[in-house]
Amino acid sequence: MAVETCWTASKAAHDGAAALAAALLIAAGGCAPRDLAGGVLWTARRERMCNAAFLAVSDMPGVRLNAELLDALKRVQEQTDPAKGRAMLAAVVSEARRLGEYADNNEIDRLDDDALRFIWRRWAGRERAPADLRAAVRDRFWSEANDALAAFTRELDRAADADSVHRLARRIEATVERSPKDRHGGGPMLALVAAAIDEERGPPDRGGPCVDVYEPALDLTCAGRRSPPDDRATDVLLAALAPVIVQERIDPAAGGRASACPSCAGAALAGGDARPQAPYDPDIDRIGTVRLAGAGDEVCIDTEQPSVYAHARHTWVRGRRLVQLTYTYWFPAHPKLKRFDPEEGRIEGAVLRITLDPTGRPMLFETVLCCGCYHRCYPADYVERAACARYGRPEKGKTWCVERDVPGRMDWIVPETVEVVSAHPGHPILFSRAGYHGPAGITFDSSVLESRTVLQRRGYALRCYDELEQLPIGGEDRSAVRPARFSSSEPRASARADSPIADRPLNGLGESMHAARGFREASGGSRRVGSMFQANGLVRGAERLEGKLLAGTGMLSAGQPRQRGTQLLHWDQYDFDDPHLLERCLRLPEGF
């Protein structure tokens, strides 16, 4: 079965004669996917309807990998006990199957009827197309995926020695499709640009006295499919630590367009009093709900309905698997804040990630824009005290004991610590600067709001991040989706290396498909579900001028917001989802 690399899949239009010739070449050459499951994966990539956050495995449809599972495959290959190795690999594949159930069904949901008809004609033989074609394609896909998984399980059961287990793990690694993160920026030009940016490392400027305050709902709302982990305990944590967002608003006298409400004008993310040289729409400083317009290729932020999108994952510190809670919120745009502003563009997102210690207490807070810019780390005060007790003093040139000098890379910026007084401290208060939208400090001390003028106090819906990858098009709801609300008090039902196969040419299969059905670029067709993100993980229609200016460095569209699982930090030097990122970049003492 052939799976084309998701984010590099290309489209081409050919005339009828060329398409017919291509189809004959396919039949003769045998390079097309052999079965319907492979055809679904291949078609989703040709249609650019694939989910870049979860990587497909070409020989195992229905299985998806993320950064943690790829890391787990490496640990399997370090295990010398064959019984333990088999158990570890079986656990990896089991979790990968759970991811596959989400990601593959998500891609099938997003295919339009023309693509489904093509899949059925090409890979279902002479069977007549059923009335519910999507359900039939889905059923056939999972039947074949189950067969492939059963075959792999039999191989694993027969693996009598560690080398045999290692070979199976390496086979999975070798057939994983590429990630957008495989494209890294680098070279002397990028080094010069990074060196020219003077980033403030001291305590952040939390903004002016006028603010809007966004407070979380008590429930986590999940409409549609859920990606793992999808357990009740995680939902409770996500709701309990959802941030109160304090969004700076600027008075017209400080520089901005006069209006009935204070207009949005910016101040520098890392401090200072730089003001925009042009006014902009006040709505740009309001968070909202993400929607798809048109044929599903236009992303809009509905600021009348504030939302924050949450998901959980795991990281590793000193051999312990820790929970990370991630919250993402979206603004309509990054406005033009100076005469020449290459960061200007549609849609901007910001992220708060909270790492819990082994007891469930918040220990580290990270903030970053969705493009990977302006990453900051705020350790809990008790973590800093423990680091000082263990290491004695900060490293040379550092302020905090948890800071680490990382040879050959940019060191992390740690502006300050956060006082965490108990295991259940309540909702963190997150400050956000006007215009720049960069998170600018965290506290659990609600008294900080007493010195501010709250212009609006609004509640926001706490939503599953998965919704961003399965948005209804044009307001149409899918009959297959059942919205559910999960509260903290009520139980709920369970709801790298380049792949040689992915790079194999398919000898015109795509061309014949597009010609046969009159393919239309970016057409929604009969699709009812779309994604906020392109096949390369970038937010649709959110390109920046800086992406073009830095294209020569190898960076993938610098400044353009990215999907979870595809984000890089500090000029592409770090993978935000690296399971060992914290222990690589910080001095964390034993016990964390």
Protein backbone atom coordinates (compact mmCIF):
# COMPACT_ATOMS: atom_id res chain seq x y z
CA MET A 1 0.00 0.00 0.00
CA ALA A 2 1.35 3.43 -0.89
CA VAL A 3 0.81 6.52 1.21
CA GLU A 4 1.91 9.83 -0.21
CA THR A 5 3.52 12.29 2.19
CA CYS A 6 0.63 14.35 3.52
CA TRP A 7 1.96 17.89 3.45
CA THR A 8 3.95 17.58 0.22
CA ALA A 9 1.14 16.06 -1.85
CA SER A 10 0.72 17.91 -5.12
CA LYS A 11 -2.22 18.37 -7.44
CA ALA A 12 -2.23 18.52 -11.21
CA ALA A 13 -4.84 18.86 -13.95
CA HIS A 14 -4.56 16.86 -17.15
CA ASP A 15 -6.72 16.50 -20.23
CA GLY A 16 -8.83 13.41 -20.83
CA ALA A 17 -6.28 11.65 -23.05
CA ALA A 18 -3.49 12.08 -20.52
CA ALA A 19 -5.75 10.86 -17.74
CA LEU A 20 -6.66 7.73 -19.68
CA ALA A 21 -3.02 7.02 -20.39
CA ALA A 22 -2.18 7.52 -16.73
CA ALA A 23 -4.91 5.10 -15.70
CA LEU A 24 -3.53 2.46 -18.08
CA LEU A 25 -0.05 2.95 -16.62
CA ILE A 26 -1.45 2.40 -13.15
CA ALA A 27 -3.10 -0.84 -14.12
CA ALA A 28 0.06 -2.08 -15.78
CA GLY A 29 2.60 -0.82 -13.29
CA GLY A 30 0.93 -1.83 -10.05
CA CYS A 31 2.12 1.29 -8.21
CA ALA A 32 -1.30 2.30 -6.90
CA PRO A 33 -2.45 1.40 -3.40
CA ARG A 34 -3.53 -2.23 -3.42
CA ASP A 35 -6.63 -1.92 -1.27
CA LEU A 36 -9.33 0.52 -0.27
CA ALA A 37 -7.71 1.40 3.05
CA GLY A 38 -4.59 2.52 1.22
CA GLY A 39 -6.75 4.31 -1.32
CA VAL A 40 -8.46 6.30 1.42
CA LEU A 41 -5.15 7.44 2.89
CA TRP A 42 -3.73 8.27 -0.52
CA THR A 43 -6.85 10.16 -1.63
CA ALA A 44 -6.97 12.20 1.58
CA ARG A 45 -3.41 13.30 0.89
CA ARG A 46 -4.05 14.14 -2.74
CA GLU A 47 -7.10 16.12 -1.65
CA ARG A 48 -5.10 17.81 1.11
CA MET A 49 -7.65 16.66 3.65
CA CYS A 50 -5.17 14.92 5.95
CA ASN A 51 -4.49 15.65 9.61
CA ALA A 52 -0.84 16.68 9.98
CA ALA A 53 -0.87 16.26 13.76
CA PHE A 54 -1.09 12.46 13.57
CA LEU A 55 1.22 10.66 11.18
CA ALA A 56 0.02 7.68 9.13
CA VAL A 57 1.96 4.42 8.83
CA SER A 58 1.88 3.15 5.26
CA ASP A 59 1.75 -0.58 6.06
CA MET A 60 -0.76 -0.23 8.88
CA PRO A 61 -3.91 1.76 8.04
CA GLY A 62 -5.85 2.78 11.11
CA VAL A 63 -2.64 3.44 13.07
CA ARG A 64 -1.30 6.96 13.73
CA LEU A 65 1.77 8.19 15.56
CA ASN A 66 2.61 11.38 17.41
CA ALA A 67 5.86 12.57 19.00
CA GLU A 68 5.34 10.56 22.18
CA LEU A 69 4.70 7.30 20.33
CA LEU A 70 7.68 7.85 18.04
CA ASP A 71 9.78 8.29 21.16
CA ALA A 72 8.27 5.11 22.61
CA LEU A 73 9.38 3.19 19.50
CA LYS A 74 12.95 4.20 20.28
CA ARG A 75 12.59 2.89 23.82
CA VAL A 76 11.32 -0.41 22.44
CA GLN A 77 14.55 -0.73 20.47
CA GLU A 78 16.58 -0.20 23.65
CA GLN A 79 14.82 -3.06 25.46
CA THR A 80 16.87 -6.28 25.57
CA ASP A 81 14.21 -8.46 27.19
CA PRO A 82 12.02 -9.79 24.34
CA ALA A 83 8.94 -10.26 26.55
CA LYS A 84 9.14 -6.68 27.82
CA GLY A 85 9.86 -5.46 24.30
CA ARG A 86 6.78 -7.21 22.93
CA ALA A 87 4.63 -5.73 25.68
CA MET A 88 6.02 -2.25 25.05
CA LEU A 89 5.49 -2.46 21.29
CA ALA A 90 1.99 -3.85 21.77
CA ALA A 91 1.18 -0.88 24.00
CA VAL A 92 2.54 1.54 21.39
CA VAL A 93 0.44 -0.01 18.65
CA SER A 94 -2.65 -0.06 20.87
CA GLU A 95 -2.34 3.67 21.59
CA ALA A 96 -1.52 4.35 17.93
CA ARG A 97 -4.73 2.58 17.01
CA ARG A 98 -6.68 4.87 19.35
CA LEU A 99 -5.13 7.87 17.59
CA GLY A 100 -5.97 6.25 14.27
CA GLU A 101 -9.62 5.88 15.16
CA TYR A 102 -9.75 9.62 15.62
CA ALA A 103 -7.51 10.79 12.77
CA ASP A 104 -8.60 8.36 10.04
CA ASN A 105 -12.28 8.86 10.75
CA ASN A 106 -11.61 12.60 10.75
CA GLU A 107 -10.09 12.41 7.28
CA ILE A 108 -12.94 10.26 5.96
CA ASP A 109 -15.43 12.78 7.35
CA ARG A 110 -13.66 15.56 5.45
CA LEU A 111 -13.66 13.91 2.01
CA ASP A 112 -16.33 15.15 -0.35
CA ASP A 113 -18.75 12.89 -2.24
CA ASP A 114 -16.71 13.02 -5.45
CA ALA A 115 -13.66 11.68 -3.63
CA LEU A 116 -15.71 8.97 -1.97
CA ARG A 117 -17.18 7.88 -5.33
CA PHE A 118 -13.67 7.77 -6.80
CA ILE A 119 -12.44 5.60 -3.93
CA TRP A 120 -15.35 3.21 -4.31
CA ARG A 121 -15.00 2.89 -8.09
CA ARG A 122 -11.26 2.40 -7.92
CA TRP A 123 -10.93 0.03 -4.95
CA ALA A 124 -14.30 -1.63 -4.32
CA GLY A 125 -14.24 -3.59 -7.56
CA ARG A 126 -17.58 -4.09 -9.27
CA GLU A 127 -19.66 -3.59 -6.14
CA ARG A 128 -22.52 -1.18 -6.58
CA ALA A 129 -22.12 2.04 -4.61
CA PRO A 130 -24.44 2.00 -1.57
CA ALA A 131 -26.71 4.86 -0.63
CA ASP A 132 -24.60 5.84 2.38
CA LEU A 133 -21.26 5.84 0.62
CA ARG A 134 -19.33 7.49 3.44
CA ALA A 135 -20.42 4.82 5.92
CA ALA A 136 -19.56 2.08 3.42
CA VAL A 137 -16.08 3.48 2.78
CA ARG A 138 -15.54 3.82 6.50
CA ASP A 139 -16.66 0.24 7.19
CA ARG A 140 -14.45 -1.19 4.44
CA PHE A 141 -11.49 0.90 5.62
CA TRP A 142 -11.72 -0.41 9.17
CA SER A 143 -12.28 -3.99 8.04
CA GLU A 144 -9.03 -3.87 6.09
CA ALA A 145 -7.28 -1.93 8.88
CA ASN A 146 -8.32 -4.61 11.38
CA ASP A 147 -6.89 -7.30 9.12
CA ALA A 148 -3.57 -5.44 8.84
CA LEU A 149 -3.41 -4.94 12.59
CA ALA A 150 -4.19 -8.61 13.23
CA ALA A 151 -1.39 -9.63 10.85
CA PHE A 152 1.07 -7.38 12.66
CA THR A 153 -0.05 -8.74 16.04
CA ARG A 154 0.62 -12.28 14.85
CA GLU A 155 4.12 -11.25 13.77
CA LEU A 156 4.73 -9.64 17.13
CA ASP A 157 3.54 -12.72 18.99
CA ARG A 158 6.02 -14.81 16.99
CA ALA A 159 8.95 -12.48 17.74
CA ALA A 160 11.05 -14.79 19.91
CA ASP A 161 14.06 -12.54 20.52
CA ALA A 162 14.80 -8.87 21.06
CA ASP A 163 16.19 -8.41 17.54
CA SER A 164 12.90 -9.56 16.02
CA VAL A 165 10.97 -7.08 18.16
CA HIS A 166 13.42 -4.32 17.22
CA ARG A 167 12.95 -5.07 13.52
CA LEU A 168 9.20 -4.67 13.84
CA ALA A 169 9.64 -1.33 15.62
CA ARG A 170 12.09 -0.16 12.95
CA ARG A 171 9.65 -1.21 10.23
CA ILE A 172 7.01 1.08 11.68
CA GLU A 173 9.53 3.94 11.93
CA ALA A 174 10.59 3.43 8.30
CA THR A 175 7.04 3.70 6.96
CA VAL A 176 5.82 6.72 8.92
CA GLU A 177 4.92 9.66 6.73
CA ARG A 178 6.84 12.89 7.08
CA SER A 179 5.79 15.63 9.47
CA PRO A 180 5.82 19.36 8.68
CA LYS A 181 8.29 19.59 11.56
CA ASP A 182 10.82 17.70 9.44
CA ARG A 183 11.35 20.99 7.63
CA HIS A 184 13.60 23.06 9.90
CA GLY A 185 15.00 26.50 9.37
CA GLY A 186 18.74 27.00 9.77
CA GLY A 187 21.92 28.44 8.34
CA PRO A 188 23.81 31.71 8.80
CA MET A 189 20.97 33.94 7.59
CA LEU A 190 18.57 32.64 10.24
CA ALA A 191 21.29 32.86 12.89
CA LEU A 192 21.81 36.53 12.03
CA VAL A 193 18.09 37.26 12.20
CA ALA A 194 17.76 35.49 15.56
CA ALA A 195 20.79 37.31 16.97
CA ALA A 196 19.35 40.68 15.88
CA ILE A 197 16.17 40.15 17.91
CA ASP A 198 16.72 41.55 21.39
CA GLU A 199 14.27 39.58 23.52
CA GLU A 200 13.63 40.84 27.03
CA ARG A 201 14.35 38.20 29.67
CA GLY A 202 13.12 40.04 32.76
CA PRO A 203 9.64 40.11 34.32
CA PRO A 204 7.00 40.74 31.65
CA ASP A 205 5.07 43.97 31.26
CA ARG A 206 1.51 42.88 32.02
CA GLY A 207 -0.04 45.80 30.18
CA GLY A 208 -2.11 48.84 30.96
CA PRO A 209 -4.98 49.44 33.37
CA CYS A 210 -7.87 48.81 30.94
CA VAL A 211 -8.68 45.15 30.32
CA ASP A 212 -11.29 42.68 29.21
CA VAL A 213 -11.57 39.59 31.40
CA TYR A 214 -12.51 36.18 29.98
CA GLU A 215 -13.58 33.56 32.51
CA PRO A 216 -13.95 29.83 31.79
CA ALA A 217 -17.14 27.81 31.80
CA LEU A 218 -17.31 25.00 34.33
CA ASP A 219 -17.81 22.36 31.64
CA LEU A 220 -15.63 21.06 28.83
CA THR A 221 -17.73 20.97 25.66
CA CYS A 222 -16.76 18.41 23.01
CA ALA A 223 -18.71 18.30 19.75
CA GLY A 224 -17.58 15.48 17.50
CA ARG A 225 -14.87 12.86 17.72
CA ARG A 226 -12.35 12.86 20.56
CA SER A 227 -8.64 12.20 20.31
CA PRO A 228 -6.86 10.39 23.16
CA PRO A 229 -6.54 10.91 26.03
CA ASP A 230 -10.32 11.12 26.39
CA ASP A 231 -10.84 10.07 29.99
CA ARG A 232 -12.96 11.79 32.62
CA ALA A 233 -10.00 12.53 34.91
CA THR A 234 -8.30 14.55 32.17
CA ASP A 235 -11.49 16.47 31.46
CA VAL A 236 -11.74 17.40 35.13
CA LEU A 237 -8.15 18.72 35.12
CA LEU A 238 -8.71 20.71 31.94
CA ALA A 239 -11.76 22.40 33.44
CA ALA A 240 -10.14 22.99 36.84
CA LEU A 241 -7.05 24.78 35.48
CA ALA A 242 -8.59 26.62 32.53
CA PRO A 243 -7.14 30.15 32.58
CA VAL A 244 -8.80 33.46 33.29
CA ILE A 245 -7.54 35.59 30.38
CA VAL A 246 -6.90 39.26 31.10
CA GLN A 247 -6.72 40.97 27.72
CA GLU A 248 -5.20 44.45 27.62
CA ARG A 249 -7.21 47.19 25.94
CA ILE A 250 -5.72 50.58 25.08
CA ASP A 251 -7.41 53.95 25.53
CA PRO A 252 -7.59 56.13 22.39
CA ALA A 253 -5.36 58.73 24.06
CA ALA A 254 -2.58 56.15 24.18
CA GLY A 255 -2.65 55.74 20.41
CA GLY A 256 -5.54 54.18 18.55
CA ARG A 257 -8.76 54.95 16.75
CA ALA A 258 -11.36 56.76 18.82
CA SER A 259 -14.60 54.86 19.22
CA ALA A 260 -17.34 54.16 21.70
CA CYS A 261 -15.14 51.55 23.30
CA PRO A 262 -11.42 51.87 23.86
CA SER A 263 -9.67 50.94 20.68
CA CYS A 264 -6.92 48.36 20.35
CA ALA A 265 -3.42 49.62 20.29
CA GLY A 266 -0.32 47.67 21.13
CA ALA A 267 2.62 47.78 23.43
CA ALA A 268 5.75 45.73 23.00
CA LEU A 269 5.33 42.11 24.05
CA ALA A 270 8.42 42.07 26.25
CA GLY A 271 8.03 45.52 27.75
CA GLY A 272 8.45 49.10 26.62
CA ASP A 273 5.98 51.64 25.33
CA ALA A 274 6.08 51.13 21.57
CA ARG A 275 2.71 52.07 20.15
CA PRO A 276 1.22 51.21 16.77
CA GLN A 277 1.58 53.80 14.06
CA ALA A 278 -1.88 53.02 12.70
CA PRO A 279 -5.24 52.29 14.36
CA TYR A 280 -7.03 49.00 13.87
CA ASP A 281 -10.39 47.38 14.54
CA PRO A 282 -10.99 46.88 18.29
CA ASP A 283 -12.41 43.41 17.60
CA ILE A 284 -8.89 42.24 16.74
CA ASP A 285 -8.14 42.15 20.48
CA ARG A 286 -11.09 39.90 21.27
CA ILE A 287 -10.89 36.12 21.38
CA GLY A 288 -13.57 34.07 19.67
CA THR A 289 -14.91 30.83 18.27
CA VAL A 290 -13.35 29.43 15.09
CA ARG A 291 -15.67 28.93 12.12
CA LEU A 292 -15.30 27.95 8.47
CA ALA A 293 -16.92 30.05 5.75
CA GLY A 294 -17.37 29.62 2.02
CA ALA A 295 -16.36 26.21 0.75
CA GLY A 296 -14.51 25.48 3.97
CA ASP A 297 -11.29 27.23 3.04
CA GLU A 298 -11.90 30.54 4.86
CA VAL A 299 -11.24 30.69 8.59
CA CYS A 300 -13.17 33.24 10.62
CA ILE A 301 -13.10 34.13 14.32
CA ASP A 302 -16.51 34.86 15.81
CA THR A 303 -15.71 37.31 18.62
CA GLU A 304 -19.34 37.37 19.77
CA GLN A 305 -18.79 33.88 21.21
CA PRO A 306 -15.46 33.60 23.06
CA SER A 307 -13.91 30.13 23.22
CA VAL A 308 -10.72 28.45 24.41
CA TYR A 309 -9.70 25.10 22.92
CA ALA A 310 -8.13 22.55 25.27
CA HIS A 311 -6.35 19.22 24.99
CA ALA A 312 -4.07 17.07 27.10
CA ARG A 313 -0.90 15.14 26.35
CA HIS A 314 2.03 13.63 28.22
CA THR A 315 5.70 14.44 28.67
CA TRP A 316 8.61 12.70 30.36
CA VAL A 317 10.83 14.07 33.12
CA ARG A 318 13.42 11.84 34.82
CA GLY A 319 11.58 8.68 33.79
CA ARG A 320 8.21 9.91 35.02
CA ARG A 321 5.27 10.39 32.65
CA LEU A 322 3.61 13.71 33.45
CA VAL A 323 0.34 15.26 32.29
CA GLN A 324 0.37 18.46 30.24
CA LEU A 325 -2.75 20.60 29.80
CA THR A 326 -2.80 22.87 26.75
CA TYR A 327 -5.14 25.80 26.13
CA THR A 328 -5.32 27.64 22.78
CA TYR A 329 -7.31 30.77 22.00
CA TRP A 330 -7.69 32.70 18.76
CA PHE A 331 -7.86 36.33 17.63
CA PRO A 332 -9.13 37.54 14.23
CA ALA A 333 -5.75 38.94 13.15
CA HIS A 334 -2.35 40.33 14.03
CA PRO A 335 -2.78 44.00 13.09
CA LYS A 336 -0.24 46.27 11.48
CA LEU A 337 1.52 47.86 14.46
CA LYS A 338 4.31 49.78 12.75
CA ARG A 339 5.15 51.30 9.39
CA PHE A 340 6.71 48.08 8.14
CA ASP A 341 5.25 45.08 9.95
CA PRO A 342 5.99 41.67 8.38
CA GLU A 343 4.05 39.98 11.22
CA GLU A 344 0.73 41.46 10.07
CA GLY A 345 -1.80 38.89 8.90
CA ARG A 346 -5.14 37.19 9.41
CA ILE A 347 -5.76 34.88 12.39
CA GLU A 348 -3.52 34.75 15.43
CA GLY A 349 -3.47 32.22 18.22
CA ALA A 350 -1.80 31.92 21.61
CA VAL A 351 -1.11 28.93 23.83
CA LEU A 352 -0.80 28.24 27.55
CA ARG A 353 0.62 24.85 28.51
CA ILE A 354 0.64 23.65 32.11
CA THR A 355 2.76 20.68 33.20
CA LEU A 356 1.63 18.88 36.34
CA ASP A 357 4.04 17.24 38.75
CA PRO A 358 3.60 13.58 39.80
CA THR A 359 1.09 14.63 42.47
CA GLY A 360 -1.02 16.64 40.00
CA ARG A 361 0.19 20.05 41.17
CA PRO A 362 1.02 22.67 38.50
CA MET A 363 4.83 22.84 38.22
CA LEU A 364 5.60 24.60 34.93
CA PHE A 365 3.73 27.09 32.78
CA GLU A 366 4.68 27.80 29.15
CA THR A 367 3.27 30.45 26.84
CA VAL A 368 3.81 30.82 23.11
CA LEU A 369 2.07 32.12 20.01
CA CYS A 370 0.72 29.41 17.72
CA CYS A 371 3.40 30.19 15.14
CA GLY A 372 6.03 29.17 17.72
CA CYS A 373 7.18 32.72 18.49
CA TYR A 374 7.76 34.33 21.88
CA HIS A 375 8.01 31.14 23.92
CA ARG A 376 8.36 31.73 27.66
CA CYS A 377 8.58 29.36 30.62
CA TYR A 378 7.35 30.16 34.14
CA PRO A 379 8.32 27.58 36.79
CA ALA A 380 6.28 27.25 39.96
CA ASP A 381 8.03 28.81 42.94
CA TYR A 382 8.34 25.47 44.74
CA VAL A 383 10.13 23.99 41.72
CA GLU A 384 12.63 26.85 41.74
CA ARG A 385 13.25 26.35 45.47
CA ALA A 386 13.85 22.64 44.93
CA ALA A 387 16.25 23.40 42.06
CA CYS A 388 18.22 25.82 44.23
CA ALA A 389 18.38 23.26 47.03
CA ARG A 390 19.71 20.69 44.58
CA TYR A 391 22.08 22.81 42.48
CA GLY A 392 23.02 25.55 44.92
CA ARG A 393 22.88 28.52 42.61
CA PRO A 394 21.91 29.48 39.05
CA GLU A 395 24.31 28.75 36.22
CA LYS A 396 26.59 31.58 35.16
CA GLY A 397 24.64 34.35 33.48
CA LYS A 398 21.29 32.96 34.60
CA THR A 399 18.76 34.36 37.05
CA TRP A 400 16.96 31.18 38.10
CA CYS A 401 18.23 27.83 39.33
CA VAL A 402 15.99 25.95 36.88
CA GLU A 403 17.55 27.68 33.85
CA ARG A 404 19.96 25.63 31.79
CA ASP A 405 22.67 26.51 29.29
CA VAL A 406 21.87 24.40 26.23
CA PRO A 407 25.04 24.06 24.11
CA GLY A 408 24.60 25.03 20.48
CA ARG A 409 21.03 26.26 20.92
CA MET A 410 19.14 29.23 22.24
CA ASP A 411 18.46 28.99 25.95
CA TRP A 412 14.91 29.17 27.19
CA ILE A 413 13.60 32.48 28.51
CA VAL A 414 12.38 32.28 32.11
CA PRO A 415 10.96 35.72 33.06
CA GLU A 416 9.76 34.90 36.58
CA THR A 417 8.31 32.20 38.80
CA VAL A 418 4.65 31.61 39.68
CA GLU A 419 3.51 31.20 43.26
CA VAL A 420 1.53 27.95 43.57
CA VAL A 421 0.26 27.72 47.13
CA SER A 422 -1.55 24.37 46.98
CA ALA A 423 -2.23 21.31 44.87
CA HIS A 424 -5.54 22.88 43.80
CA PRO A 425 -4.74 26.57 43.29
CA GLY A 426 -7.75 27.41 41.13
CA HIS A 427 -7.71 29.07 37.73
CA PRO A 428 -4.45 30.74 36.67
CA ILE A 429 -4.72 34.35 35.55
CA LEU A 430 -3.05 34.85 32.17
CA PHE A 431 -2.21 38.35 30.91
CA SER A 432 -2.30 39.13 27.18
CA ARG A 433 -0.95 42.28 25.51
CA ALA A 434 -3.03 44.32 23.10
CA GLY A 435 -2.17 44.11 19.42
CA TYR A 436 0.73 41.70 19.83
CA HIS A 437 -1.43 39.14 21.67
CA GLY A 438 1.61 37.69 23.37
CA PRO A 439 0.90 36.12 26.77
CA ALA A 440 2.61 38.32 29.34
CA GLY A 441 2.69 36.77 32.75
CA ILE A 442 0.78 34.33 34.96
CA THR A 443 -0.44 34.48 38.54
CA PHE A 444 -2.98 32.86 40.84
CA ASP A 445 -3.34 36.10 42.83
CA SER A 446 -6.72 37.56 41.90
CA SER A 447 -5.95 40.82 43.71
CA VAL A 448 -3.95 41.94 40.66
CA LEU A 449 -7.28 42.78 39.02
CA GLU A 450 -8.14 45.30 41.72
CA SER A 451 -5.85 47.91 40.15
CA ARG A 452 -7.36 47.46 36.68
CA THR A 453 -10.46 48.81 35.02
CA VAL A 454 -12.45 45.87 33.66
CA LEU A 455 -14.23 47.07 30.53
CA GLN A 456 -15.94 43.76 29.82
CA ARG A 457 -16.20 40.57 31.83
CA ARG A 458 -17.20 37.68 29.61
CA GLY A 459 -17.49 33.93 29.98
CA TYR A 460 -15.88 31.69 27.39
CA ALA A 461 -16.76 28.19 26.26
CA LEU A 462 -14.08 25.62 27.07
CA ARG A 463 -14.00 23.40 23.99
CA CYS A 464 -12.06 20.34 22.88
CA TYR A 465 -9.20 21.21 20.54
CA ASP A 466 -10.44 18.38 18.28
CA GLU A 467 -13.26 20.67 17.12
CA LEU A 468 -10.73 22.77 15.18
CA GLU A 469 -9.99 19.71 13.03
CA GLN A 470 -13.67 18.89 12.30
CA LEU A 471 -15.51 22.16 11.88
CA PRO A 472 -18.90 22.23 10.14
CA ILE A 473 -18.80 24.02 6.79
CA GLY A 474 -21.24 26.85 6.30
CA GLY A 475 -22.88 26.20 9.64
CA GLU A 476 -24.08 22.73 8.59
CA ASP A 477 -23.95 20.09 11.30
CA ARG A 478 -23.08 16.49 10.62
CA SER A 479 -25.70 13.94 11.48
CA ALA A 480 -22.90 11.60 12.59
CA VAL A 481 -21.69 14.03 15.23
CA ARG A 482 -23.35 14.07 18.62
CA PRO A 483 -22.38 17.09 20.75
CA ALA A 484 -21.67 16.23 24.37
CA ARG A 485 -21.02 18.26 27.47
CA PHE A 486 -18.72 16.80 30.09
CA SER A 487 -18.72 18.42 33.51
CA SER A 488 -16.33 17.81 36.36
CA SER A 489 -19.11 16.27 38.43
CA GLU A 490 -20.84 13.93 35.97
CA PRO A 491 -19.55 10.67 34.48
CA ARG A 492 -19.54 10.37 30.73
CA ALA A 493 -19.40 7.59 28.19
CA SER A 494 -16.17 6.90 26.33
CA ALA A 495 -16.61 8.32 23.27
CA ARG A 496 10.38 11.45 10.42
CA ALA A 497 12.38 9.71 8.49
CA ASP A 498 10.95 9.95 4.98
CA SER A 499 8.85 6.94 4.14
CA PRO A 500 10.17 5.15 1.05
CA ILE A 501 6.64 4.08 0.26
CA ALA A 502 5.26 7.58 0.77
CA ASP A 503 7.78 8.93 -1.76
CA ARG A 504 6.95 6.32 -4.41
CA PRO A 505 5.32 7.82 -7.54
CA LEU A 506 1.76 6.76 -8.20
CA ASN A 507 1.97 7.06 -11.99
CA GLY A 508 -0.97 9.32 -12.63
CA LEU A 509 -3.63 8.00 -10.30
CA GLY A 510 -4.32 11.48 -8.99
CA GLU A 511 -4.35 13.00 -12.45
CA SER A 512 -6.92 10.48 -13.68
CA MET A 513 -9.09 11.09 -10.64
CA HIS A 514 -9.06 14.88 -11.02
CA ALA A 515 -9.73 14.75 -14.74
CA ALA A 516 -12.49 12.18 -14.39
CA ARG A 517 -14.49 14.26 -11.95
CA GLY A 518 -13.55 17.77 -13.06
CA PHE A 519 -11.49 18.49 -9.97
CA ARG A 520 -11.84 22.00 -8.59
CA GLU A 521 -8.98 23.43 -6.52
CA ALA A 522 -10.06 24.31 -2.97
CA SER A 523 -13.61 23.24 -3.67
CA GLY A 524 -15.79 22.31 -0.75
CA GLY A 525 -17.93 20.18 -3.04
CA SER A 526 -20.31 18.17 -0.90
CA ARG A 527 -18.06 18.18 2.14
CA ARG A 528 -19.83 18.92 5.40
CA VAL A 529 -16.76 18.96 7.62
CA GLY A 530 -13.48 20.82 7.30
CA SER A 531 -10.44 21.79 9.30
CA MET A 532 -8.95 25.07 10.41
CA PHE A 533 -5.63 23.73 9.18
CA GLN A 534 -4.10 22.91 5.83
CA ALA A 535 -2.48 19.55 5.17
CA ASN A 536 0.87 21.00 6.30
CA GLY A 537 -0.53 22.06 9.67
CA LEU A 538 -0.68 25.79 8.86
CA VAL A 539 -3.84 27.81 9.52
CA ARG A 540 -5.71 28.46 6.28
CA GLY A 541 -5.29 31.94 4.85
CA ALA A 542 -2.98 33.19 7.63
CA GLU A 543 0.24 33.75 5.70
CA ARG A 544 2.64 36.52 6.75
CA LEU A 545 5.13 38.58 4.80
CA GLU A 546 7.82 37.33 7.19
CA GLY A 547 7.20 33.84 5.81
CA LYS A 548 8.35 35.00 2.39
CA LEU A 549 11.23 37.02 3.79
CA LEU A 550 12.57 34.04 5.72
CA ALA A 551 11.80 31.37 3.13
CA GLY A 552 15.47 31.17 2.22
CA THR A 553 16.29 30.00 5.74
CA GLY A 554 14.28 26.81 5.29
CA MET A 555 11.54 27.79 7.73
CA LEU A 556 8.04 26.68 6.79
CA SER A 557 6.02 29.91 6.44
CA ALA A 558 7.45 31.78 9.43
CA GLY A 559 4.86 33.60 11.52
CA GLN A 560 1.89 31.60 10.24
CA PRO A 561 -0.03 29.93 13.09
CA ARG A 562 0.28 26.14 13.27
CA GLN A 563 -1.75 23.14 14.35
CA ARG A 564 -0.96 21.19 17.49
CA GLY A 565 1.70 18.58 16.88
CA THR A 566 3.45 20.70 14.23
CA GLN A 567 4.88 23.62 16.24
CA LEU A 568 8.57 24.48 16.49
CA LEU A 569 10.12 26.95 18.97
CA HIS A 570 12.99 29.42 19.11
CA TRP A 571 13.69 29.73 15.39
CA ASP A 572 12.99 26.03 14.74
CA GLN A 573 15.53 24.86 17.31
CA TYR A 574 13.05 22.93 19.48
CA ASP A 575 10.03 20.70 18.89
CA PHE A 576 7.19 21.86 21.15
CA ASP A 577 5.98 18.25 21.39
CA ASP A 578 9.34 16.64 22.15
CA PRO A 579 8.49 14.29 25.05
CA HIS A 580 11.84 15.12 26.70
CA LEU A 581 11.82 18.84 25.97
CA LEU A 582 11.58 20.00 29.59
CA GLU A 583 14.44 17.88 30.86
CA ARG A 584 16.58 18.94 27.89
CA CYS A 585 16.06 22.66 28.46
CA LEU A 586 15.65 23.05 32.24
CA ARG A 587 17.47 21.91 35.37
CA LEU A 588 14.70 20.01 37.09
CA PRO A 589 15.70 18.28 40.33
CA GLU A 590 14.81 14.75 41.36
CA GLY A 591 11.17 14.22 42.22
CA PHE A 592 9.76 16.08 39.23
